[in-house]
Amino acid sequence: MVIVCESKTGFTMKYANMLSQKTGLKVFPTKELDKVGSDEEVIFFGWMKAGMIQGLKKMKKHNVIAICATGTARNAEPDDETVMARNNIKDIPFFYMRGGCLPLKQMKGMDKFLMSLFVKMLKSKKDKDEELIEAISNIENGFDGVKEENLAPLLKWLSER
């Protein structure tokens, strides 16, 4: 069994490395998929962008036994079932973990453009609750939501296999 990870800014890779430290499993970035046998059991980590788990399509020919997605929200949005349906996840355990976000001013290109539009849209909402205010701040200022305790459901699942 190995861990395969698609990470853009490093937050998703932090989780993969934490899991590796706890289990002794080796971590491979998706760009090194050629080093992972097609029959090898894989725990996959990918980051969320517009509801899609990045890197997951690269895993089609591999034996993925669990899928872990990271995002900036407290929970998978709008919920786990919707994320699973959008990403065609069937009969495979799914785990969402809060990741992180670079500050808006450090983003580049299309990511910066899209996130700027997203923040503008969020700010234009009339009734802002605590979660919305937090989301705006997290995007503008960046944040790191990676916590070891977020691995607990995955570690429990692994121990029960």
C-alpha atoms as a PDB file:
ATOM      1  CA  MET A   1       0.000   0.000   0.000  1.00  0.00           C
ATOM      2  CA  VAL A   2       1.203   3.501  -0.893  1.00  0.00           C
ATOM      3  CA  ILE A   3       0.006   7.106  -0.767  1.00  0.00           C
ATOM      4  CA  VAL A   4      -0.331   9.126  -3.980  1.00  0.00           C
ATOM      5  CA  CYS A   5      -0.781  12.875  -3.743  1.00  0.00           C
ATOM      6  CA  GLU A   6      -1.726  15.731  -6.061  1.00  0.00           C
ATOM      7  CA  SER A   7      -0.777  18.978  -4.301  1.00  0.00           C
ATOM      8  CA  LYS A   8      -0.427  22.464  -5.724  1.00  0.00           C
ATOM      9  CA  THR A   9       0.494  24.647  -2.759  1.00  0.00           C
ATOM     10  CA  GLY A  10       1.700  22.001  -0.300  1.00  0.00           C
ATOM     11  CA  PHE A  11      -1.251  21.734   2.073  1.00  0.00           C
ATOM     12  CA  THR A  12      -2.476  18.416   0.635  1.00  0.00           C
ATOM     13  CA  MET A  13       1.073  17.042   0.659  1.00  0.00           C
ATOM     14  CA  LYS A  14       1.296  17.895   4.374  1.00  0.00           C
ATOM     15  CA  TYR A  15      -1.534  15.426   5.013  1.00  0.00           C
ATOM     16  CA  ALA A  16       0.074  12.770   2.819  1.00  0.00           C
ATOM     17  CA  ASN A  17       3.357  13.165   4.705  1.00  0.00           C
ATOM     18  CA  MET A  18       1.595  13.082   8.100  1.00  0.00           C
ATOM     19  CA  LEU A  19      -0.119   9.839   7.113  1.00  0.00           C
ATOM     20  CA  SER A  20       3.200   8.463   5.912  1.00  0.00           C
ATOM     21  CA  GLN A  21       4.812   9.256   9.268  1.00  0.00           C
ATOM     22  CA  LYS A  22       1.994   7.525  11.135  1.00  0.00           C
ATOM     23  CA  THR A  23       1.823   4.418   8.928  1.00  0.00           C
ATOM     24  CA  GLY A  24       5.222   4.031   7.295  1.00  0.00           C
ATOM     25  CA  LEU A  25       3.592   4.120   3.847  1.00  0.00           C
ATOM     26  CA  LYS A  26       5.605   5.692   1.042  1.00  0.00           C
ATOM     27  CA  VAL A  27       4.303   8.892  -0.624  1.00  0.00           C
ATOM     28  CA  PHE A  28       4.422   9.461  -4.382  1.00  0.00           C
ATOM     29  CA  PRO A  29       3.393  12.704  -6.082  1.00  0.00           C
ATOM     30  CA  THR A  30       1.150  12.043  -9.098  1.00  0.00           C
ATOM     31  CA  LYS A  31       4.007  13.048 -11.402  1.00  0.00           C
ATOM     32  CA  GLU A  32       5.763   9.850 -10.205  1.00  0.00           C
ATOM     33  CA  LEU A  33       2.808   7.523 -10.880  1.00  0.00           C
ATOM     34  CA  ASP A  34       5.037   5.395 -13.115  1.00  0.00           C
ATOM     35  CA  LYS A  35       6.705   4.176  -9.892  1.00  0.00           C
ATOM     36  CA  VAL A  36       3.395   2.795  -8.565  1.00  0.00           C
ATOM     37  CA  GLY A  37       2.238  -0.584  -9.833  1.00  0.00           C
ATOM     38  CA  SER A  38      -1.325  -0.767 -11.162  1.00  0.00           C
ATOM     39  CA  ASP A  39      -2.164  -3.506  -8.629  1.00  0.00           C
ATOM     40  CA  GLU A  40      -0.645  -1.631  -5.651  1.00  0.00           C
ATOM     41  CA  GLU A  41      -3.260  -0.424  -3.153  1.00  0.00           C
ATOM     42  CA  VAL A  42      -3.348   3.396  -3.153  1.00  0.00           C
ATOM     43  CA  ILE A  43      -4.651   5.961  -0.716  1.00  0.00           C
ATOM     44  CA  PHE A  44      -5.115   9.030  -2.909  1.00  0.00           C
ATOM     45  CA  PHE A  45      -4.935  12.659  -1.742  1.00  0.00           C
ATOM     46  CA  GLY A  46      -6.081  15.501  -4.006  1.00  0.00           C
ATOM     47  CA  TRP A  47      -7.099  19.122  -3.569  1.00  0.00           C
ATOM     48  CA  MET A  48     -10.504  20.524  -4.451  1.00  0.00           C
ATOM     49  CA  LYS A  49     -11.092  23.081  -7.176  1.00  0.00           C
ATOM     50  CA  ALA A  50     -14.656  24.030  -8.087  1.00  0.00           C
ATOM     51  CA  GLY A  51     -15.954  20.779  -6.620  1.00  0.00           C
ATOM     52  CA  MET A  52     -13.517  18.562  -8.518  1.00  0.00           C
ATOM     53  CA  ILE A  53     -10.731  16.573  -6.865  1.00  0.00           C
ATOM     54  CA  GLN A  54      -7.560  17.458  -8.719  1.00  0.00           C
ATOM     55  CA  GLY A  55      -5.429  14.541  -9.918  1.00  0.00           C
ATOM     56  CA  LEU A  56      -8.141  11.930  -9.422  1.00  0.00           C
ATOM     57  CA  LYS A  57      -8.573  11.275 -13.157  1.00  0.00           C
ATOM     58  CA  LYS A  58      -4.886  10.292 -13.326  1.00  0.00           C
ATOM     59  CA  MET A  59      -5.682   7.399 -10.980  1.00  0.00           C
ATOM     60  CA  LYS A  60      -8.059   5.501 -13.295  1.00  0.00           C
ATOM     61  CA  LYS A  61      -5.604   2.662 -13.961  1.00  0.00           C
ATOM     62  CA  HIS A  62      -4.628   2.303 -10.308  1.00  0.00           C
ATOM     63  CA  ASN A  63      -6.067   0.375  -7.379  1.00  0.00           C
ATOM     64  CA  VAL A  64      -7.393   3.295  -5.322  1.00  0.00           C
ATOM     65  CA  ILE A  65      -8.810   2.045  -2.010  1.00  0.00           C
ATOM     66  CA  ALA A  66      -9.529   5.433  -0.388  1.00  0.00           C
ATOM     67  CA  ILE A  67      -9.874   9.002  -1.623  1.00  0.00           C
ATOM     68  CA  CYS A  68      -8.958  12.005   0.511  1.00  0.00           C
ATOM     69  CA  ALA A  69      -9.817  15.503  -0.655  1.00  0.00           C
ATOM     70  CA  THR A  70      -8.653  18.765   0.860  1.00  0.00           C
ATOM     71  CA  GLY A  71     -10.255  22.163   0.549  1.00  0.00           C
ATOM     72  CA  THR A  72     -10.488  25.549   2.203  1.00  0.00           C
ATOM     73  CA  ALA A  73     -13.978  25.017   3.623  1.00  0.00           C
ATOM     74  CA  ARG A  74     -14.701  23.495   7.017  1.00  0.00           C
ATOM     75  CA  ASN A  75     -16.569  20.631   5.333  1.00  0.00           C
ATOM     76  CA  ALA A  76     -16.868  19.282   1.806  1.00  0.00           C
ATOM     77  CA  GLU A  77     -19.146  21.648  -0.096  1.00  0.00           C
ATOM     78  CA  PRO A  78     -22.015  21.369  -0.322  1.00  0.00           C
ATOM     79  CA  ASP A  79     -21.649  17.897   1.281  1.00  0.00           C
ATOM     80  CA  ASP A  80     -19.703  14.643   0.949  1.00  0.00           C
ATOM     81  CA  GLU A  81     -22.364  12.955  -1.191  1.00  0.00           C
ATOM     82  CA  THR A  82     -22.389  15.773  -3.771  1.00  0.00           C
ATOM     83  CA  VAL A  83     -18.578  15.803  -3.986  1.00  0.00           C
ATOM     84  CA  MET A  84     -18.570  12.021  -4.399  1.00  0.00           C
ATOM     85  CA  ALA A  85     -21.201  12.203  -7.159  1.00  0.00           C
ATOM     86  CA  ARG A  86     -19.373  15.022  -9.020  1.00  0.00           C
ATOM     87  CA  ASN A  87     -16.149  13.011  -8.910  1.00  0.00           C
ATOM     88  CA  ASN A  88     -17.771   9.668  -9.726  1.00  0.00           C
ATOM     89  CA  ILE A  89     -16.655   8.074  -6.452  1.00  0.00           C
ATOM     90  CA  LYS A  90     -18.512   4.809  -5.879  1.00  0.00           C
ATOM     91  CA  ASP A  91     -17.774   2.035  -3.402  1.00  0.00           C
ATOM     92  CA  ILE A  92     -14.551   3.704  -2.201  1.00  0.00           C
ATOM     93  CA  PRO A  93     -14.208   5.382   1.204  1.00  0.00           C
ATOM     94  CA  PHE A  94     -14.079   9.189   0.923  1.00  0.00           C
ATOM     95  CA  PHE A  95     -12.477  11.500   3.472  1.00  0.00           C
ATOM     96  CA  TYR A  96     -12.581  15.298   3.398  1.00  0.00           C
ATOM     97  CA  MET A  97      -9.921  17.242   5.292  1.00  0.00           C
ATOM     98  CA  ARG A  98      -9.609  20.962   5.650  1.00  0.00           C
ATOM     99  CA  GLY A  99      -6.472  22.136   3.877  1.00  0.00           C
ATOM    100  CA  GLY A 100      -5.231  25.645   3.404  1.00  0.00           C
ATOM    101  CA  CYS A 101      -4.944  28.584   1.085  1.00  0.00           C
ATOM    102  CA  LEU A 102      -2.171  30.920   0.057  1.00  0.00           C
ATOM    103  CA  PRO A 103      -2.917  34.621   0.574  1.00  0.00           C
ATOM    104  CA  LEU A 104      -4.651  36.114  -2.467  1.00  0.00           C
ATOM    105  CA  LYS A 105      -1.686  38.412  -3.135  1.00  0.00           C
ATOM    106  CA  GLN A 106       0.617  35.358  -3.475  1.00  0.00           C
ATOM    107  CA  MET A 107      -1.601  33.585  -6.015  1.00  0.00           C
ATOM    108  CA  LYS A 108      -0.781  33.820  -9.681  1.00  0.00           C
ATOM    109  CA  GLY A 109      -2.525  33.774 -13.036  1.00  0.00           C
ATOM    110  CA  MET A 110      -5.964  32.269 -13.417  1.00  0.00           C
ATOM    111  CA  ASP A 111      -6.072  31.147  -9.764  1.00  0.00           C
ATOM    112  CA  LYS A 112      -5.630  34.739  -8.586  1.00  0.00           C
ATOM    113  CA  PHE A 113      -8.182  36.021 -11.089  1.00  0.00           C
ATOM    114  CA  LEU A 114     -10.835  33.426 -10.170  1.00  0.00           C
ATOM    115  CA  MET A 115     -10.289  33.746  -6.435  1.00  0.00           C
ATOM    116  CA  SER A 116     -10.508  37.545  -6.705  1.00  0.00           C
ATOM    117  CA  LEU A 117     -13.885  37.183  -8.440  1.00  0.00           C
ATOM    118  CA  PHE A 118     -14.990  34.655  -5.823  1.00  0.00           C
ATOM    119  CA  VAL A 119     -14.063  37.000  -2.931  1.00  0.00           C
ATOM    120  CA  LYS A 120     -15.880  39.858  -4.662  1.00  0.00           C
ATOM    121  CA  MET A 121     -18.982  37.678  -4.969  1.00  0.00           C
ATOM    122  CA  LEU A 122     -18.752  36.613  -1.303  1.00  0.00           C
ATOM    123  CA  LYS A 123     -18.338  40.227  -0.160  1.00  0.00           C
ATOM    124  CA  SER A 124     -21.409  41.290  -2.134  1.00  0.00           C
ATOM    125  CA  LYS A 125     -23.704  38.977  -0.152  1.00  0.00           C
ATOM    126  CA  LYS A 126     -25.953  40.925   2.176  1.00  0.00           C
ATOM    127  CA  ASP A 127     -26.279  38.545   5.127  1.00  0.00           C
ATOM    128  CA  LYS A 128     -22.777  37.382   6.003  1.00  0.00           C
ATOM    129  CA  ASP A 129     -22.589  34.689   8.674  1.00  0.00           C
ATOM    130  CA  GLU A 130     -19.470  33.717  10.631  1.00  0.00           C
ATOM    131  CA  GLU A 131     -18.487  31.046   8.089  1.00  0.00           C
ATOM    132  CA  LEU A 132     -18.730  33.469   5.158  1.00  0.00           C
ATOM    133  CA  ILE A 133     -16.686  36.131   6.940  1.00  0.00           C
ATOM    134  CA  GLU A 134     -14.088  33.474   7.759  1.00  0.00           C
ATOM    135  CA  ALA A 135     -13.992  32.305   4.109  1.00  0.00           C
ATOM    136  CA  ILE A 136     -13.336  35.847   2.868  1.00  0.00           C
ATOM    137  CA  SER A 137     -10.557  36.343   5.414  1.00  0.00           C
ATOM    138  CA  ASN A 138      -8.982  32.964   4.626  1.00  0.00           C
ATOM    139  CA  ILE A 139      -8.800  33.724   0.915  1.00  0.00           C
ATOM    140  CA  GLU A 140      -7.536  37.279   1.352  1.00  0.00           C
ATOM    141  CA  ASN A 141      -5.018  36.521   4.096  1.00  0.00           C
ATOM    142  CA  GLY A 142      -4.317  32.834   3.573  1.00  0.00           C
ATOM    143  CA  PHE A 143      -4.523  30.175   6.257  1.00  0.00           C
ATOM    144  CA  ASP A 144      -3.317  26.702   7.145  1.00  0.00           C
ATOM    145  CA  GLY A 145      -6.092  24.379   8.340  1.00  0.00           C
ATOM    146  CA  VAL A 146      -3.978  21.217   8.181  1.00  0.00           C
ATOM    147  CA  LYS A 147      -4.250  19.425  11.519  1.00  0.00           C
ATOM    148  CA  GLU A 148      -3.180  15.952  12.535  1.00  0.00           C
ATOM    149  CA  GLU A 149      -6.568  15.326  14.161  1.00  0.00           C
ATOM    150  CA  ASN A 150      -8.224  15.606  10.715  1.00  0.00           C
ATOM    151  CA  LEU A 151      -6.544  12.311   9.805  1.00  0.00           C
ATOM    152  CA  ALA A 152      -8.398  10.485  12.612  1.00  0.00           C
ATOM    153  CA  PRO A 153     -11.298   9.092  10.496  1.00  0.00           C
ATOM    154  CA  LEU A 154      -8.845   7.825   7.848  1.00  0.00           C
ATOM    155  CA  LEU A 155      -6.558   6.274  10.475  1.00  0.00           C
ATOM    156  CA  LYS A 156      -9.576   4.614  12.130  1.00  0.00           C
ATOM    157  CA  TRP A 157     -10.676   3.194   8.769  1.00  0.00           C
ATOM    158  CA  LEU A 158      -7.158   1.902   8.094  1.00  0.00           C
ATOM    159  CA  SER A 159      -6.965   0.216  11.502  1.00  0.00           C
ATOM    160  CA  GLU A 160     -10.316  -1.531  10.902  1.00  0.00           C
ATOM    161  CA  ARG A 161      -9.387  -2.917   7.476  1.00  0.00           C
END
